[in-house]
Protein backbone atom coordinates (compact mmCIF):
# COMPACT_ATOMS: atom_id res chain seq x y z
CA UNK A 1 43.13 -44.37 139.72
CA UNK A 2 41.73 -40.71 139.47
CA UNK A 3 44.41 -38.16 140.21
CA UNK A 4 41.74 -35.36 140.42
CA UNK A 5 41.10 -36.63 143.98
CA UNK A 6 44.71 -35.67 144.85
CA UNK A 7 44.20 -32.11 143.69
CA UNK A 8 41.05 -31.87 145.78
CA UNK A 9 42.87 -33.18 148.84
CA UNK A 10 45.67 -30.78 148.54
CA UNK A 11 43.24 -27.80 147.99
CA UNK A 12 41.12 -28.85 151.04
CA UNK A 13 44.24 -29.16 153.22
CA UNK A 14 45.55 -25.74 152.15
CA UNK A 15 42.00 -24.31 153.04
CA UNK A 16 42.27 -26.00 156.45
CA UNK A 17 39.35 -28.30 155.78
CA UNK A 18 41.30 -31.23 157.19
CA UNK A 19 38.46 -33.80 157.23
CA UNK A 20 37.71 -33.25 153.55
CA UNK A 21 41.44 -33.39 152.73
CA UNK A 22 41.72 -36.78 154.51
CA UNK A 23 38.59 -38.14 152.74
CA UNK A 24 39.81 -37.03 149.29
CA UNK A 25 43.25 -38.52 150.10
CA UNK A 26 41.59 -42.00 150.88
CA UNK A 27 39.52 -41.57 147.66
CA UNK A 28 42.58 -41.00 145.70
CA UNK A 29 44.11 -44.22 147.25
CA UNK A 30 41.02 -46.29 146.65
CA UNK A 31 37.85 -44.69 145.60
CA UNK A 32 35.81 -47.81 146.65
CA UNK A 33 36.68 -47.70 150.28
CA UNK A 34 34.23 -44.97 151.31
CA UNK A 35 31.72 -45.40 148.46
CA UNK A 36 28.90 -46.78 150.69
CA UNK A 37 29.78 -44.81 153.83
CA UNK A 38 28.41 -41.45 155.00
CA UNK A 39 31.19 -38.98 155.36
CA UNK A 40 29.14 -36.45 157.33
CA UNK A 41 29.71 -38.04 160.68
CA UNK A 42 32.45 -40.20 162.17
CA UNK A 43 33.63 -42.77 159.71
CA UNK A 44 34.72 -46.47 160.57
CA UNK A 45 35.82 -48.65 157.76
CA UNK A 46 37.68 -51.90 157.44
CA UNK A 47 39.48 -53.18 154.35
CA UNK A 48 41.58 -56.29 153.72
CA UNK A 49 45.27 -56.05 152.59
CA UNK A 50 46.47 -59.55 151.96
CA UNK A 51 46.11 -61.30 155.25
CA UNK A 52 46.10 -58.05 157.30
CA UNK A 53 42.96 -56.09 158.09
CA UNK A 54 43.32 -52.40 158.01
CA UNK A 55 40.79 -50.43 160.04
CA UNK A 56 40.42 -46.65 159.50
CA UNK A 57 38.64 -44.40 161.96
CA UNK A 58 37.93 -40.67 161.25
CA UNK A 59 36.30 -38.52 163.98
CA UNK A 60 35.84 -34.75 163.98
CA UNK A 61 39.29 -34.24 165.31
CA UNK A 62 41.27 -37.62 165.01
CA UNK A 63 42.50 -40.07 162.46
CA UNK A 64 43.29 -43.60 163.63
CA UNK A 65 44.67 -46.58 161.73
CA UNK A 66 44.86 -50.12 163.18
CA UNK A 67 46.02 -53.14 161.30
CA UNK A 68 46.12 -56.56 162.94
CA UNK A 69 48.28 -58.96 160.70
CA UNK A 70 49.66 -61.94 162.73
CA UNK A 71 48.63 -64.01 165.85
CA UNK A 72 51.12 -65.01 168.56
CA UNK A 73 50.45 -68.70 169.65
CA UNK A 74 51.95 -71.10 172.19
CA UNK A 75 54.24 -72.37 169.31
CA UNK A 76 55.53 -68.82 168.51
CA UNK A 77 59.18 -68.19 169.39
CA UNK A 78 58.12 -65.04 171.34
CA UNK A 79 61.62 -63.80 172.46
CA UNK A 80 62.95 -63.86 168.91
CA UNK A 81 59.87 -62.41 167.39
CA UNK A 82 59.49 -59.53 169.88
CA UNK A 83 63.19 -58.67 169.39
CA UNK A 84 62.51 -58.44 165.62
CA UNK A 85 59.42 -56.29 166.19
CA UNK A 86 61.53 -53.86 168.23
CA UNK A 87 64.08 -53.70 165.40
CA UNK A 88 61.32 -53.04 162.81
CA UNK A 89 59.75 -50.33 165.05
CA UNK A 90 63.24 -48.51 165.09
CA UNK A 91 63.79 -49.11 161.42
CA UNK A 92 62.32 -49.19 158.72
CA UNK A 93 59.02 -47.99 160.21
CA UNK A 94 58.86 -44.13 160.18
CA UNK A 95 55.34 -43.41 161.23
CA UNK A 96 53.33 -46.37 162.39
CA UNK A 97 54.55 -48.77 165.13
CA UNK A 98 53.76 -52.48 165.75
CA UNK A 99 52.02 -53.21 169.10
CA UNK A 100 50.99 -56.45 170.91
CA UNK A 101 47.45 -56.62 171.98
CA UNK A 102 45.57 -59.80 173.17
CA UNK A 103 48.28 -61.95 171.46
CA UNK A 104 47.88 -60.23 168.17
CA UNK A 105 50.51 -57.94 166.51
CA UNK A 106 48.97 -54.60 165.22
CA UNK A 107 50.28 -51.78 163.22
CA UNK A 108 48.93 -48.63 164.87
CA UNK A 109 48.89 -44.82 164.33
CA UNK A 110 46.80 -42.03 165.58
CA UNK A 111 47.05 -38.30 164.82
CA UNK A 112 44.95 -35.02 164.95
CA UNK A 113 43.13 -34.25 161.65
CA UNK A 114 45.09 -31.06 161.22
CA UNK A 115 48.35 -33.05 160.89
CA UNK A 116 46.88 -35.31 158.18
CA UNK A 117 48.76 -33.74 155.25
CA UNK A 118 47.88 -35.75 152.09
CA UNK A 119 51.46 -36.93 151.47
CA UNK A 120 51.83 -38.02 155.12
CA UNK A 121 48.54 -40.07 154.96
CA UNK A 122 49.53 -41.61 151.61
CA UNK A 123 52.96 -42.69 153.00
CA UNK A 124 51.48 -43.84 156.15
CA UNK A 125 48.83 -46.20 154.61
CA UNK A 126 51.35 -47.41 151.99
CA UNK A 127 53.88 -48.09 154.76
CA UNK A 128 51.47 -50.18 156.75
CA UNK A 129 50.22 -52.02 153.73
CA UNK A 130 53.71 -52.75 152.44
CA UNK A 131 55.08 -53.95 155.79
CA UNK A 132 52.00 -55.88 156.82
CA UNK A 133 52.30 -57.72 153.51
CA UNK A 134 55.96 -58.31 153.95
CA UNK A 135 56.37 -59.20 157.61
CA UNK A 136 53.43 -61.59 157.99
CA UNK A 137 55.34 -64.25 155.88
CA UNK A 138 58.58 -63.66 157.63
CA UNK A 139 57.01 -63.82 161.27
CA UNK A 140 55.17 -67.10 160.29
CA UNK A 141 58.09 -68.74 158.57
CA UNK A 142 60.83 -67.79 161.10
CA UNK A 143 59.04 -67.42 164.44
CA UNK A 144 55.94 -69.66 163.95
CA UNK A 145 53.31 -66.90 164.26
CA UNK A 146 49.96 -67.44 162.51
CA UNK A 147 48.01 -65.35 159.94
CA UNK A 148 45.45 -63.12 161.62
CA UNK A 149 43.06 -64.10 158.83
CA UNK A 150 42.97 -65.83 155.63
CA UNK A 151 43.38 -63.52 152.50
CA UNK A 152 40.09 -62.59 150.80
CA UNK A 153 40.51 -63.90 147.23
CA UNK A 154 38.17 -64.47 144.34
CA UNK A 155 39.04 -67.16 141.73
CA UNK A 156 39.17 -66.18 138.11
CA UNK A 157 36.46 -67.42 135.77
CA UNK A 158 37.44 -70.23 133.42
CA UNK A 159 37.72 -67.82 130.46
CA UNK A 160 39.99 -65.48 132.52
CA UNK A 161 42.16 -68.45 133.66
CA UNK A 162 42.71 -69.48 129.99
CA UNK A 163 43.36 -65.92 128.86
CA UNK A 164 46.02 -65.40 131.58
CA UNK A 165 47.64 -68.76 130.95
CA UNK A 166 47.90 -68.20 127.24
CA UNK A 167 49.51 -64.87 127.86
CA UNK A 168 52.06 -66.45 130.28
CA UNK A 169 52.69 -69.22 127.81
CA UNK A 170 53.34 -66.70 124.95
CA UNK A 171 55.75 -64.69 127.05
CA UNK A 172 57.69 -67.81 128.04
CA UNK A 173 57.81 -69.11 124.42
CA UNK A 174 59.04 -65.67 123.20
CA UNK A 175 61.69 -65.67 125.92
CA UNK A 176 62.88 -69.15 125.07
CA UNK A 177 63.04 -68.34 121.23
CA UNK A 178 65.00 -65.02 121.74
CA UNK A 179 67.23 -66.55 124.39
CA UNK A 180 68.29 -69.28 122.11
CA UNK A 181 68.91 -66.84 119.21
CA UNK A 182 71.12 -64.61 121.40
CA UNK A 183 72.99 -67.63 122.55
CA UNK A 184 73.71 -68.73 118.97
CA UNK A 185 74.85 -65.22 118.01
CA UNK A 186 76.97 -65.05 121.29
CA UNK A 187 75.20 -61.84 122.26
CA UNK A 188 75.10 -62.75 125.99
CA UNK A 189 74.42 -59.26 127.27
CA UNK A 190 71.08 -59.24 125.62
CA UNK A 191 69.91 -62.12 127.83
CA UNK A 192 69.54 -59.53 130.49
CA UNK A 193 67.12 -57.52 128.39
CA UNK A 194 64.90 -60.43 127.33
CA UNK A 195 64.79 -61.79 131.01
CA UNK A 196 63.81 -58.38 132.34
CA UNK A 197 61.09 -57.89 129.61
CA UNK A 198 59.73 -61.37 130.15
CA UNK A 199 59.58 -60.96 134.03
CA UNK A 200 58.05 -57.48 133.89
CA UNK A 201 55.25 -58.68 131.50
CA UNK A 202 54.30 -61.58 133.87
CA UNK A 203 54.55 -59.64 137.16
CA UNK A 204 52.44 -56.71 135.71
CA UNK A 205 49.54 -58.95 135.28
CA UNK A 206 47.49 -57.84 138.42
CA UNK A 207 46.01 -61.25 139.30
CA UNK A 208 49.52 -62.71 139.96
CA UNK A 209 49.86 -63.12 143.66
CA UNK A 210 51.39 -65.28 146.50
CA UNK A 211 54.86 -66.84 146.19
CA UNK A 212 54.97 -66.48 142.47
CA UNK A 213 54.74 -62.64 142.65
CA UNK A 214 57.17 -62.49 145.62
CA UNK A 215 59.79 -64.46 143.54
CA UNK A 216 59.20 -62.42 140.34
CA UNK A 217 59.59 -59.15 142.34
CA UNK A 218 62.78 -60.55 143.87
CA UNK A 219 64.39 -61.29 140.56
CA UNK A 220 63.14 -58.02 138.93
CA UNK A 221 64.73 -55.99 141.80
CA UNK A 222 67.99 -58.02 141.65
CA UNK A 223 68.22 -57.64 137.91
CA UNK A 224 68.13 -53.86 138.26
CA UNK A 225 70.42 -53.82 141.17
CA UNK A 226 73.75 -52.35 139.91
CA UNK A 227 75.58 -53.45 143.14
CA UNK A 228 75.40 -57.08 141.99
CA UNK A 229 77.83 -58.28 139.25
CA UNK A 230 76.12 -58.07 135.83
CA UNK A 231 77.03 -61.55 134.68
CA UNK A 232 75.90 -62.96 138.01
CA UNK A 233 72.58 -61.26 137.57
CA UNK A 234 72.25 -62.73 134.09
CA UNK A 235 73.12 -66.29 135.39
CA UNK A 236 70.60 -66.06 138.23
CA UNK A 237 67.89 -64.81 135.85
CA UNK A 238 68.54 -67.56 133.25
CA UNK A 239 68.25 -70.09 136.02
CA UNK A 240 65.02 -68.66 137.22
CA UNK A 241 63.56 -68.49 133.73
CA UNK A 242 64.35 -72.23 133.27
CA UNK A 243 62.41 -72.93 136.42
CA UNK A 244 59.42 -70.95 135.06
CA UNK A 245 59.66 -72.79 131.78
CA UNK A 246 59.52 -76.15 133.52
CA UNK A 247 56.66 -74.96 135.93
CA UNK A 248 53.46 -76.82 135.33
CA UNK A 249 50.25 -74.90 134.60
CA UNK A 250 48.57 -76.11 137.86
CA UNK A 251 51.47 -74.63 139.96
CA UNK A 252 51.18 -71.18 138.23
CA UNK A 253 47.43 -71.20 138.77
CA UNK A 254 47.71 -71.56 142.49
CA UNK A 255 49.04 -68.02 142.68
CA UNK A 256 46.61 -66.51 140.13
CA UNK A 257 43.43 -64.97 141.58
CA UNK A 258 41.70 -61.68 142.26
CA UNK A 259 42.52 -60.16 145.71
CA UNK A 260 41.19 -57.12 147.52
CA UNK A 261 43.54 -54.51 148.79
CA UNK A 262 43.32 -51.12 150.38
CA UNK A 263 46.13 -49.46 148.39
CA UNK A 264 48.21 -50.42 145.51
CA UNK A 265 51.85 -51.06 146.60
CA UNK A 266 53.01 -49.11 143.56
CA UNK A 267 53.97 -45.48 143.86
CA UNK A 268 51.37 -42.70 142.93
CA UNK A 269 51.78 -41.18 139.51
CA UNK A 270 50.95 -37.90 137.68
CA UNK A 271 51.92 -36.20 134.36
CA UNK A 272 54.78 -34.54 135.97
CA UNK A 273 56.08 -37.71 137.80
CA UNK A 274 56.02 -39.64 134.48
CA UNK A 275 57.73 -36.65 132.67
CA UNK A 276 60.50 -36.83 135.27
CA UNK A 277 60.72 -40.57 134.68
CA UNK A 278 61.03 -39.99 130.85
CA UNK A 279 63.69 -37.39 131.34
CA UNK A 280 65.89 -39.86 133.28
CA UNK A 281 65.73 -42.04 130.11
CA UNK A 282 66.51 -39.25 127.68
CA UNK A 283 70.38 -39.56 127.76
CA UNK A 284 70.35 -43.16 126.87
CA UNK A 285 67.60 -42.79 124.18
CA UNK A 286 69.54 -39.96 122.51
CA UNK A 287 72.74 -41.97 122.65
CA UNK A 288 71.07 -45.02 120.97
CA UNK A 289 69.39 -42.76 118.40
CA UNK A 290 72.68 -41.02 117.59
CA UNK A 291 74.39 -44.31 117.12
CA UNK A 292 71.41 -45.63 115.08
CA UNK A 293 71.50 -48.68 117.35
CA UNK A 294 67.84 -49.85 116.98
CA UNK A 295 68.30 -53.09 118.84
CA UNK A 296 69.38 -51.30 122.07
CA UNK A 297 66.90 -48.44 121.56
CA UNK A 298 63.88 -50.86 121.12
CA UNK A 299 64.85 -53.13 123.92
CA UNK A 300 65.60 -50.07 126.29
CA UNK A 301 62.32 -48.40 125.63
CA UNK A 302 60.30 -51.66 125.94
CA UNK A 303 61.49 -52.58 129.29
CA UNK A 304 61.44 -48.93 130.46
CA UNK A 305 57.77 -48.68 129.64
CA UNK A 306 57.08 -52.04 131.44
CA UNK A 307 59.05 -50.80 134.43
CA UNK A 308 56.88 -47.70 134.51
CA UNK A 309 53.83 -49.97 134.89
CA UNK A 310 55.77 -52.09 137.47
CA UNK A 311 56.79 -48.93 139.54
CA UNK A 312 53.69 -46.72 139.30
CA UNK A 313 49.97 -46.82 139.76
CA UNK A 314 49.11 -45.39 136.42
CA UNK A 315 45.97 -43.75 135.30
CA UNK A 316 44.10 -45.77 132.76
CA UNK A 317 44.90 -43.58 129.78
CA UNK A 318 48.76 -43.75 130.56
CA UNK A 319 48.49 -47.49 131.01
CA UNK A 320 46.57 -47.93 127.77
CA UNK A 321 49.15 -45.94 125.83
CA UNK A 322 51.89 -48.23 126.89
CA UNK A 323 50.03 -51.46 126.22
CA UNK A 324 48.82 -50.11 122.90
CA UNK A 325 52.42 -49.26 121.90
CA UNK A 326 53.76 -52.69 123.04
CA UNK A 327 50.95 -54.48 121.02
CA UNK A 328 51.77 -52.39 117.92
CA UNK A 329 55.57 -53.23 118.02
CA UNK A 330 55.01 -56.90 118.75
CA UNK A 331 56.53 -59.05 115.95
CA UNK A 332 57.79 -55.84 113.95
CA UNK A 333 61.27 -55.33 112.46
CA UNK A 334 63.51 -53.00 114.46
CA UNK A 335 63.32 -50.16 111.96
CA UNK A 336 59.45 -50.37 112.09
CA UNK A 337 59.19 -50.55 115.90
CA UNK A 338 61.68 -47.72 116.34
CA UNK A 339 59.38 -44.78 115.45
CA UNK A 340 56.40 -46.18 117.35
CA UNK A 341 58.36 -46.51 120.61
CA UNK A 342 60.05 -43.10 120.15
CA UNK A 343 56.62 -41.43 119.61
CA UNK A 344 55.46 -42.83 122.90
CA UNK A 345 58.59 -41.90 124.67
CA UNK A 346 58.39 -38.31 123.41
CA UNK A 347 54.68 -38.14 124.44
CA UNK A 348 55.63 -38.96 128.00
CA UNK A 349 58.66 -36.64 127.79
CA UNK A 350 56.34 -33.78 126.70
CA UNK A 351 53.54 -34.66 129.17
CA UNK A 352 51.04 -35.45 126.31
CA UNK A 353 50.78 -39.28 126.59
CA UNK A 354 47.25 -40.34 126.60
CA UNK A 355 45.99 -36.75 126.06
CA UNK A 356 42.44 -36.15 124.70
CA UNK A 357 44.03 -35.38 121.31
CA UNK A 358 45.25 -38.95 120.86
CA UNK A 359 43.13 -41.79 119.82
CA UNK A 360 41.75 -43.59 122.84
CA UNK A 361 42.91 -47.25 122.93
CA UNK A 362 40.00 -49.73 122.59
CA UNK A 363 40.35 -52.89 124.67
CA UNK A 364 40.28 -55.58 122.13
CA UNK A 365 39.99 -58.67 124.17
CA UNK A 366 39.41 -60.30 127.49
CA UNK A 367 43.09 -60.25 128.55
CA UNK A 368 43.22 -56.49 128.05
CA UNK A 369 40.62 -56.21 130.86
CA UNK A 370 42.79 -58.03 133.25
CA UNK A 371 45.12 -55.07 133.20
CA UNK A 372 42.57 -52.57 134.44
């Protein structure tokens, strides 16, 4: 992700160059989408997003998005499905709407170019991508609709498969060792930390897709949901981790592949956004430092950095700073890990993380490349 496109989009919109603003917004979202297309005349481009197909049209005065995502068949429970579509069009959709055309459900939106403010376009494309990805499975499972098309996926090479499987195996082994240690010590609250760290490490691998990603995201979101009883979250998390430990390699690999997408479902990031994220951590960090509680401090910062990757579409230098830090603290004693984690936290807090003055992280092995 190159955030310079965002600045270009905002500058162009302020200068009333609305088509350029729209093009730069799309470049910010995914710089490959328009790479082989002329932007001088009308633009027509189609990009897969899971099983949906998102078509973008830009003329001299209009921006249109259409995204077919499921088919309605003779076996479909049409009354229940259309009732559900009406509910979704009312809420949670805010810009796009779902329409039925030729027995296909489409997300659609059309607007004049002068109304294509970059924030609006970003939110619109993200909304369509998120909900097309979410509702296709629901409509198929509950109402017997069919996928509009099969997802466009590319298998991993044998070397990549082994690298990913080794990483997952190491994460699960670490979880099991620490979980048993905390159980022996009767430090039950720390089960939450080690579950969260383990799940975030796995779900942050970008080639994790399908049912596995859906379940990982469900448990991550529930573990951070303060409306659910803390001990209940731990119990459910422990049970899920046991299922992952017992899951055969072959079942993992069914959901591990490369998939094309128009837009990352993570939120956009910038130095300022990440500074605000770090400021929200500051009270707890200062509290743990004051109490000299290295265990809580190190766990808190580790899962907070991993959650940053989970939440945000990071620029490469920000992502590299985090992975470099986590690699450095791996296996270290708490008193040795503390200053490394604090230095990275303070860099994000000051807006200097990954700046040109810092040593650029070299990608040391194949697995590092899987995070790019």
